[in-house]
PDB file of N, CA and C in Angstrom:
ATOM      1  N   MET A   1       0.845  -1.172   0.000  1.00  0.00           N
ATOM      2  CA  MET A   1       0.000   0.000   0.000  1.00  0.00           C
ATOM      3  C   MET A   1       0.894   1.240   0.000  1.00  0.00           C
ATOM      4  N   THR A   2       0.598   2.165  -0.875  1.00  0.00           N
ATOM      5  CA  THR A   2       1.415   3.372  -0.958  1.00  0.00           C
ATOM      6  C   THR A   2       1.043   4.346   0.145  1.00  0.00           C
ATOM      7  N   ASP A   3       1.906   5.338   0.318  1.00  0.00           N
ATOM      8  CA  ASP A   3       1.658   6.344   1.354  1.00  0.00           C
ATOM      9  C   ASP A   3       0.359   7.103   1.093  1.00  0.00           C
ATOM     10  N   LYS A   4       0.094   7.390  -0.177  1.00  0.00           N
ATOM     11  CA  LYS A   4      -1.117   8.131  -0.514  1.00  0.00           C
ATOM     12  C   LYS A   4      -2.363   7.304  -0.201  1.00  0.00           C
ATOM     13  N   ALA A   5      -2.310   6.008  -0.461  1.00  0.00           N
ATOM     14  CA  ALA A   5      -3.446   5.132  -0.164  1.00  0.00           C
ATOM     15  C   ALA A   5      -3.661   5.021   1.338  1.00  0.00           C
ATOM     16  N   LYS A   6      -2.570   4.933   2.106  1.00  0.00           N
ATOM     17  CA  LYS A   6      -2.692   4.890   3.569  1.00  0.00           C
ATOM     18  C   LYS A   6      -3.304   6.181   4.096  1.00  0.00           C
ATOM     19  N   GLU A   7      -2.880   7.304   3.526  1.00  0.00           N
ATOM     20  CA  GLU A   7      -3.394   8.597   3.959  1.00  0.00           C
ATOM     21  C   GLU A   7      -4.890   8.717   3.671  1.00  0.00           C
ATOM     22  N   GLN A   8      -5.316   8.263   2.502  1.00  0.00           N
ATOM     23  CA  GLN A   8      -6.737   8.319   2.162  1.00  0.00           C
ATOM     24  C   GLN A   8      -7.548   7.385   3.056  1.00  0.00           C
ATOM     25  N   ASN A   9      -6.985   6.226   3.387  1.00  0.00           N
ATOM     26  CA  ASN A   9      -7.670   5.287   4.269  1.00  0.00           C
ATOM     27  C   ASN A   9      -7.837   5.893   5.660  1.00  0.00           C
ATOM     28  N   GLN A  10      -6.820   6.587   6.163  1.00  0.00           N
ATOM     29  CA  GLN A  10      -6.908   7.225   7.468  1.00  0.00           C
ATOM     30  C   GLN A  10      -7.918   8.364   7.457  1.00  0.00           C
ATOM     31  N   GLU A  11      -8.025   9.077   6.340  1.00  0.00           N
ATOM     32  CA  GLU A  11      -8.959  10.190   6.256  1.00  0.00           C
ATOM     33  C   GLU A  11     -10.399   9.718   6.318  1.00  0.00           C
ATOM     34  N   GLN A  12     -10.670   8.499   5.876  1.00  0.00           N
ATOM     35  CA  GLN A  12     -12.029   7.993   5.863  1.00  0.00           C
ATOM     36  C   GLN A  12     -12.464   7.479   7.230  1.00  0.00           C
ATOM     37  N   LYS A  13     -11.541   7.143   8.100  1.00  0.00           N
ATOM     38  CA  LYS A  13     -11.882   6.630   9.418  1.00  0.00           C
ATOM     39  C   LYS A  13     -12.394   7.760  10.303  1.00  0.00           C
ATOM     40  N   PRO A  14     -13.472   7.507  11.039  1.00  0.00           N
ATOM     41  CA  PRO A  14     -13.925   8.536  11.991  1.00  0.00           C
ATOM     42  C   PRO A  14     -12.985   8.593  13.185  1.00  0.00           C
ATOM     43  N   ILE A  15     -12.963   9.732  13.821  1.00  0.00           N
ATOM     44  CA  ILE A  15     -12.105   9.911  14.984  1.00  0.00           C
ATOM     45  C   ILE A  15     -12.810   9.297  16.182  1.00  0.00           C
ATOM     46  N   GLY A  16     -12.114   8.422  16.894  1.00  0.00           N
ATOM     47  CA  GLY A  16     -12.699   7.712  18.019  1.00  0.00           C
ATOM     48  C   GLY A  16     -12.550   8.452  19.339  1.00  0.00           C
ATOM     49  N   PHE A  17     -13.157   7.876  20.363  1.00  0.00           N
ATOM     50  CA  PHE A  17     -13.152   8.461  21.696  1.00  0.00           C
ATOM     51  C   PHE A  17     -11.733   8.657  22.219  1.00  0.00           C
ATOM     52  N   PHE A  18     -10.897   7.636  22.112  1.00  0.00           N
ATOM     53  CA  PHE A  18      -9.540   7.734  22.652  1.00  0.00           C
ATOM     54  C   PHE A  18      -8.684   8.714  21.865  1.00  0.00           C
ATOM     55  N   ASN A  19      -8.945   8.882  20.585  1.00  0.00           N
ATOM     56  CA  ASN A  19      -8.228   9.896  19.806  1.00  0.00           C
ATOM     57  C   ASN A  19      -8.598  11.300  20.272  1.00  0.00           C
ATOM     58  N   ILE A  20      -9.866  11.498  20.630  1.00  0.00           N
ATOM     59  CA  ILE A  20     -10.305  12.796  21.132  1.00  0.00           C
ATOM     60  C   ILE A  20      -9.663  13.068  22.485  1.00  0.00           C
ATOM     61  N   VAL A  21      -9.669  12.064  23.374  1.00  0.00           N
ATOM     62  CA  VAL A  21      -9.044  12.221  24.690  1.00  0.00           C
ATOM     63  C   VAL A  21      -7.559  12.525  24.530  1.00  0.00           C
ATOM     64  N   ASP A  22      -6.904  11.792  23.643  1.00  0.00           N
ATOM     65  CA  ASP A  22      -5.476  12.007  23.389  1.00  0.00           C
ATOM     66  C   ASP A  22      -5.219  13.420  22.875  1.00  0.00           C
ATOM     67  N   SER A  23      -6.051  13.895  21.975  1.00  0.00           N
ATOM     68  CA  SER A  23      -5.867  15.238  21.431  1.00  0.00           C
ATOM     69  C   SER A  23      -6.095  16.310  22.495  1.00  0.00           C
ATOM     70  N   VAL A  24      -7.127  16.132  23.320  1.00  0.00           N
ATOM     71  CA  VAL A  24      -7.407  17.112  24.375  1.00  0.00           C
ATOM     72  C   VAL A  24      -6.248  17.169  25.368  1.00  0.00           C
ATOM     73  N   LEU A  25      -5.743  16.010  25.779  1.00  0.00           N
ATOM     74  CA  LEU A  25      -4.615  15.993  26.720  1.00  0.00           C
ATOM     75  C   LEU A  25      -3.362  16.595  26.091  1.00  0.00           C
ATOM     76  N   SER A  26      -3.143  16.314  24.816  1.00  0.00           N
ATOM     77  CA  SER A  26      -1.985  16.881  24.124  1.00  0.00           C
ATOM     78  C   SER A  26      -2.057  18.393  24.055  1.00  0.00           C
ATOM     79  N   VAL A  27      -3.246  18.920  23.812  1.00  0.00           N
ATOM     80  CA  VAL A  27      -3.420  20.371  23.748  1.00  0.00           C
ATOM     81  C   VAL A  27      -3.162  20.991  25.116  1.00  0.00           C
ATOM     82  N   PHE A  28      -3.682  20.378  26.177  1.00  0.00           N
ATOM     83  CA  PHE A  28      -3.465  20.928  27.519  1.00  0.00           C
ATOM     84  C   PHE A  28      -1.992  20.896  27.907  1.00  0.00           C
ATOM     85  N   LEU A  29      -1.257  19.889  27.436  1.00  0.00           N
ATOM     86  CA  LEU A  29       0.164  19.800  27.751  1.00  0.00           C
ATOM     87  C   LEU A  29       1.021  20.606  26.781  1.00  0.00           C
ATOM     88  N   GLY A  30       0.431  21.039  25.669  1.00  0.00           N
ATOM     89  CA  GLY A  30       1.152  21.850  24.698  1.00  0.00           C
ATOM     90  C   GLY A  30       2.045  21.058  23.771  1.00  0.00           C
ATOM     91  N   VAL A  31       1.706  19.796  23.524  1.00  0.00           N
ATOM     92  CA  VAL A  31       2.554  18.960  22.674  1.00  0.00           C
ATOM     93  C   VAL A  31       1.812  18.460  21.431  1.00  0.00           C
ATOM     94  N   GLN A  32       0.734  19.106  21.046  1.00  0.00           N
ATOM     95  CA  GLN A  32      -0.039  18.704  19.866  1.00  0.00           C
ATOM     96  C   GLN A  32       0.763  19.031  18.617  1.00  0.00           C
ATOM     97  N   ASN A  33       0.935  18.059  17.725  1.00  0.00           N
ATOM     98  CA  ASN A  33       1.670  18.342  16.494  1.00  0.00           C
ATOM     99  C   ASN A  33       0.710  18.775  15.393  1.00  0.00           C
ATOM    100  N   SER A  34       1.241  19.304  14.324  1.00  0.00           N
ATOM    101  CA  SER A  34       0.396  19.891  13.269  1.00  0.00           C
ATOM    102  C   SER A  34      -0.414  18.834  12.530  1.00  0.00           C
ATOM    103  N   ALA A  35       0.113  17.623  12.385  1.00  0.00           N
ATOM    104  CA  ALA A  35      -0.633  16.571  11.683  1.00  0.00           C
ATOM    105  C   ALA A  35      -1.906  16.204  12.451  1.00  0.00           C
ATOM    106  N   ARG A  36      -1.790  16.075  13.763  1.00  0.00           N
ATOM    107  CA  ARG A  36      -2.977  15.772  14.573  1.00  0.00           C
ATOM    108  C   ARG A  36      -3.967  16.926  14.553  1.00  0.00           C
ATOM    109  N   ARG A  37      -3.453  18.135  14.631  1.00  0.00           N
ATOM    110  CA  ARG A  37      -4.324  19.304  14.620  1.00  0.00           C
ATOM    111  C   ARG A  37      -5.114  19.366  13.319  1.00  0.00           C
ATOM    112  N   GLU A  38      -4.447  19.122  12.200  1.00  0.00           N
ATOM    113  CA  GLU A  38      -5.137  19.117  10.908  1.00  0.00           C
ATOM    114  C   GLU A  38      -6.184  18.011  10.859  1.00  0.00           C
ATOM    115  N   ARG A  39      -5.846  16.827  11.367  1.00  0.00           N
ATOM    116  CA  ARG A  39      -6.804  15.714  11.395  1.00  0.00           C
ATOM    117  C   ARG A  39      -8.022  16.080  12.240  1.00  0.00           C
ATOM    118  N   ASP A  40      -7.776  16.698  13.377  1.00  0.00           N
ATOM    119  CA  ASP A  40      -8.875  17.076  14.260  1.00  0.00           C
ATOM    120  C   ASP A  40      -9.797  18.098  13.596  1.00  0.00           C
ATOM    121  N   PHE A  41      -9.215  19.088  12.921  1.00  0.00           N
ATOM    122  CA  PHE A  41     -10.034  20.117  12.282  1.00  0.00           C
ATOM    123  C   PHE A  41     -10.793  19.570  11.077  1.00  0.00           C
ATOM    124  N   LYS A  42     -10.190  18.638  10.356  1.00  0.00           N
ATOM    125  CA  LYS A  42     -10.840  18.100   9.162  1.00  0.00           C
ATOM    126  C   LYS A  42     -11.945  17.099   9.503  1.00  0.00           C
ATOM    127  N   HIS A  43     -11.685  16.219  10.450  1.00  0.00           N
ATOM    128  CA  HIS A  43     -12.582  15.088  10.666  1.00  0.00           C
ATOM    129  C   HIS A  43     -13.274  15.079  12.014  1.00  0.00           C
ATOM    130  N   GLY A  44     -12.865  15.931  12.911  1.00  0.00           N
ATOM    131  CA  GLY A  44     -13.441  15.930  14.246  1.00  0.00           C
ATOM    132  C   GLY A  44     -14.660  16.821  14.339  1.00  0.00           C
ATOM    133  N   ASN A  45     -15.427  16.601  15.381  1.00  0.00           N
ATOM    134  CA  ASN A  45     -16.595  17.420  15.658  1.00  0.00           C
ATOM    135  C   ASN A  45     -16.234  18.353  16.815  1.00  0.00           C
ATOM    136  N   PHE A  46     -16.399  19.638  16.610  1.00  0.00           N
ATOM    137  CA  PHE A  46     -15.958  20.633  17.589  1.00  0.00           C
ATOM    138  C   PHE A  46     -16.559  20.394  18.962  1.00  0.00           C
ATOM    139  N   LYS A  47     -17.837  20.039  19.002  1.00  0.00           N
ATOM    140  CA  LYS A  47     -18.489  19.928  20.306  1.00  0.00           C
ATOM    141  C   LYS A  47     -17.880  18.814  21.155  1.00  0.00           C
ATOM    142  N   TYR A  48     -17.377  17.745  20.540  1.00  0.00           N
ATOM    143  CA  TYR A  48     -16.735  16.676  21.316  1.00  0.00           C
ATOM    144  C   TYR A  48     -15.428  17.161  21.944  1.00  0.00           C
ATOM    145  N   TYR A  49     -14.669  17.932  21.185  1.00  0.00           N
ATOM    146  CA  TYR A  49     -13.417  18.477  21.715  1.00  0.00           C
ATOM    147  C   TYR A  49     -13.694  19.523  22.794  1.00  0.00           C
ATOM    148  N   PHE A  50     -14.726  20.327  22.591  1.00  0.00           N
ATOM    149  CA  PHE A  50     -15.087  21.346  23.574  1.00  0.00           C
ATOM    150  C   PHE A  50     -15.525  20.686  24.880  1.00  0.00           C
ATOM    151  N   ILE A  51     -16.393  19.698  24.784  1.00  0.00           N
ATOM    152  CA  ILE A  51     -16.863  18.993  25.983  1.00  0.00           C
ATOM    153  C   ILE A  51     -15.697  18.308  26.689  1.00  0.00           C
ATOM    154  N   GLY A  52     -14.825  17.661  25.922  1.00  0.00           N
ATOM    155  CA  GLY A  52     -13.645  17.018  26.512  1.00  0.00           C
ATOM    156  C   GLY A  52     -12.741  18.022  27.211  1.00  0.00           C
ATOM    157  N   GLY A  53     -12.554  19.181  26.603  1.00  0.00           N
ATOM    158  CA  GLY A  53     -11.725  20.207  27.208  1.00  0.00           C
ATOM    159  C   GLY A  53     -12.325  20.763  28.486  1.00  0.00           C
ATOM    160  N   VAL A  54     -13.637  20.963  28.488  1.00  0.00           N
ATOM    161  CA  VAL A  54     -14.314  21.465  29.685  1.00  0.00           C
ATOM    162  C   VAL A  54     -14.220  20.435  30.811  1.00  0.00           C
ATOM    163  N   ILE A  55     -14.475  19.167  30.493  1.00  0.00           N
ATOM    164  CA  ILE A  55     -14.395  18.112  31.510  1.00  0.00           C
ATOM    165  C   ILE A  55     -12.991  18.029  32.086  1.00  0.00           C
ATOM    166  N   TYR A  56     -11.982  18.050  31.206  1.00  0.00           N
ATOM    167  CA  TYR A  56     -10.608  17.973  31.689  1.00  0.00           C
ATOM    168  C   TYR A  56     -10.253  19.198  32.532  1.00  0.00           C
ATOM    169  N   GLY A  57     -10.695  20.374  32.095  1.00  0.00           N
ATOM    170  CA  GLY A  57     -10.418  21.591  32.853  1.00  0.00           C
ATOM    171  C   GLY A  57     -11.044  21.567  34.240  1.00  0.00           C
ATOM    172  N   VAL A  58     -12.284  21.100  34.327  1.00  0.00           N
ATOM    173  CA  VAL A  58     -12.962  20.999  35.626  1.00  0.00           C
ATOM    174  C   VAL A  58     -12.247  19.989  36.517  1.00  0.00           C
ATOM    175  N   LEU A  59     -11.862  18.840  35.958  1.00  0.00           N
ATOM    176  CA  LEU A  59     -11.140  17.835  36.747  1.00  0.00           C
ATOM    177  C   LEU A  59      -9.795  18.371  37.235  1.00  0.00           C
ATOM    178  N   LEU A  60      -9.090  19.081  36.370  1.00  0.00           N
ATOM    179  CA  LEU A  60      -7.806  19.654  36.747  1.00  0.00           C
ATOM    180  C   LEU A  60      -7.974  20.690  37.856  1.00  0.00           C
ATOM    181  N   LEU A  61      -8.937  21.567  37.712  1.00  0.00           N
ATOM    182  CA  LEU A  61      -9.190  22.599  38.717  1.00  0.00           C
ATOM    183  C   LEU A  61      -9.619  21.978  40.047  1.00  0.00           C
ATOM    184  N   THR A  62     -10.495  20.996  39.994  1.00  0.00           N
ATOM    185  CA  THR A  62     -10.946  20.313  41.210  1.00  0.00           C
ATOM    186  C   THR A  62      -9.781  19.607  41.901  1.00  0.00           C
ATOM    187  N   GLY A  63      -8.945  18.964  41.115  1.00  0.00           N
ATOM    188  CA  GLY A  63      -7.777  18.295  41.679  1.00  0.00           C
ATOM    189  C   GLY A  63      -6.814  19.269  42.351  1.00  0.00           C
ATOM    190  N   LEU A  64      -6.592  20.400  41.714  1.00  0.00           N
ATOM    191  CA  LEU A  64      -5.698  21.403  42.302  1.00  0.00           C
ATOM    192  C   LEU A  64      -6.280  21.993  43.587  1.00  0.00           C
ATOM    193  N   ILE A  65      -7.584  22.248  43.593  1.00  0.00           N
ATOM    194  CA  ILE A  65      -8.226  22.765  44.803  1.00  0.00           C
ATOM    195  C   ILE A  65      -8.105  21.759  45.937  1.00  0.00           C
ATOM    196  N   CYS A  66      -8.370  20.488  45.659  1.00  0.00           N
ATOM    197  CA  CYS A  66      -8.254  19.444  46.686  1.00  0.00           C
ATOM    198  C   CYS A  66      -6.815  19.330  47.194  1.00  0.00           C
ATOM    199  N   LEU A  67      -5.848  19.414  46.293  1.00  0.00           N
ATOM    200  CA  LEU A  67      -4.444  19.316  46.680  1.00  0.00           C
ATOM    201  C   LEU A  67      -4.047  20.480  47.591  1.00  0.00           C
ATOM    202  N   VAL A  68      -4.466  21.680  47.232  1.00  0.00           N
ATOM    203  CA  VAL A  68      -4.135  22.857  48.043  1.00  0.00           C
ATOM    204  C   VAL A  68      -4.795  22.760  49.411  1.00  0.00           C
ATOM    205  N   GLN A  69      -6.039  22.318  49.477  1.00  0.00           N
ATOM    206  CA  GLN A  69      -6.725  22.184  50.755  1.00  0.00           C
ATOM    207  C   GLN A  69      -6.061  21.119  51.607  1.00  0.00           C
ATOM    208  N   TYR A  70      -5.616  20.041  51.009  1.00  0.00           N
ATOM    209  CA  TYR A  70      -4.931  18.983  51.741  1.00  0.00           C
ATOM    210  C   TYR A  70      -3.601  19.483  52.314  1.00  0.00           C
ATOM    211  N   ILE A  71      -2.842  20.191  51.476  1.00  0.00           N
ATOM    212  CA  ILE A  71      -1.548  20.719  51.924  1.00  0.00           C
ATOM    213  C   ILE A  71      -1.748  21.787  52.994  1.00  0.00           C
ATOM    214  N   ALA A  72      -2.722  22.663  52.805  1.00  0.00           N
ATOM    215  CA  ALA A  72      -2.988  23.714  53.782  1.00  0.00           C
ATOM    216  C   ALA A  72      -3.479  23.123  55.103  1.00  0.00           C
ATOM    217  N   GLY A  73      -4.231  22.050  55.043  1.00  0.00           N
ATOM    218  CA  GLY A  73      -4.717  21.396  56.253  1.00  0.00           C
ATOM    219  C   GLY A  73      -3.639  20.658  57.008  1.00  0.00           C
ATOM    220  N   SER A  74      -2.651  20.132  56.298  1.00  0.00           N
ATOM    221  CA  SER A  74      -1.584  19.384  56.963  1.00  0.00           C
ATOM    222  C   SER A  74      -0.522  20.297  57.555  1.00  0.00           C
ATOM    223  N   VAL A  75      -0.488  21.559  57.173  1.00  0.00           N
ATOM    224  CA  VAL A  75       0.491  22.498  57.695  1.00  0.00           C
ATOM    225  C   VAL A  75       0.109  22.954  59.098  1.00  0.00           C
ATOM    226  N   GLN A  76      -1.160  23.086  59.369  1.00  0.00           N
ATOM    227  CA  GLN A  76      -1.609  23.615  60.655  1.00  0.00           C
ATOM    228  C   GLN A  76      -1.365  22.670  61.756  1.00  0.00           C
TER     229      GLN A  76
END
């Protein structure tokens, strides 16, 4: 199979749940490469990425708040 055929085959596949999670985590860490970004914009649905980003942001914020409260409580 040639590179062009592989590329066309990948373009036809829908983006799965784990690919969306991987892309959201990559964006939050700042390591998203241009090939993934192009794939996400071409074949992804914005609302799935938005929802994933909001969920991850809330989890991150909640985790940080819990960590700070735990550390502040153990200091006293």
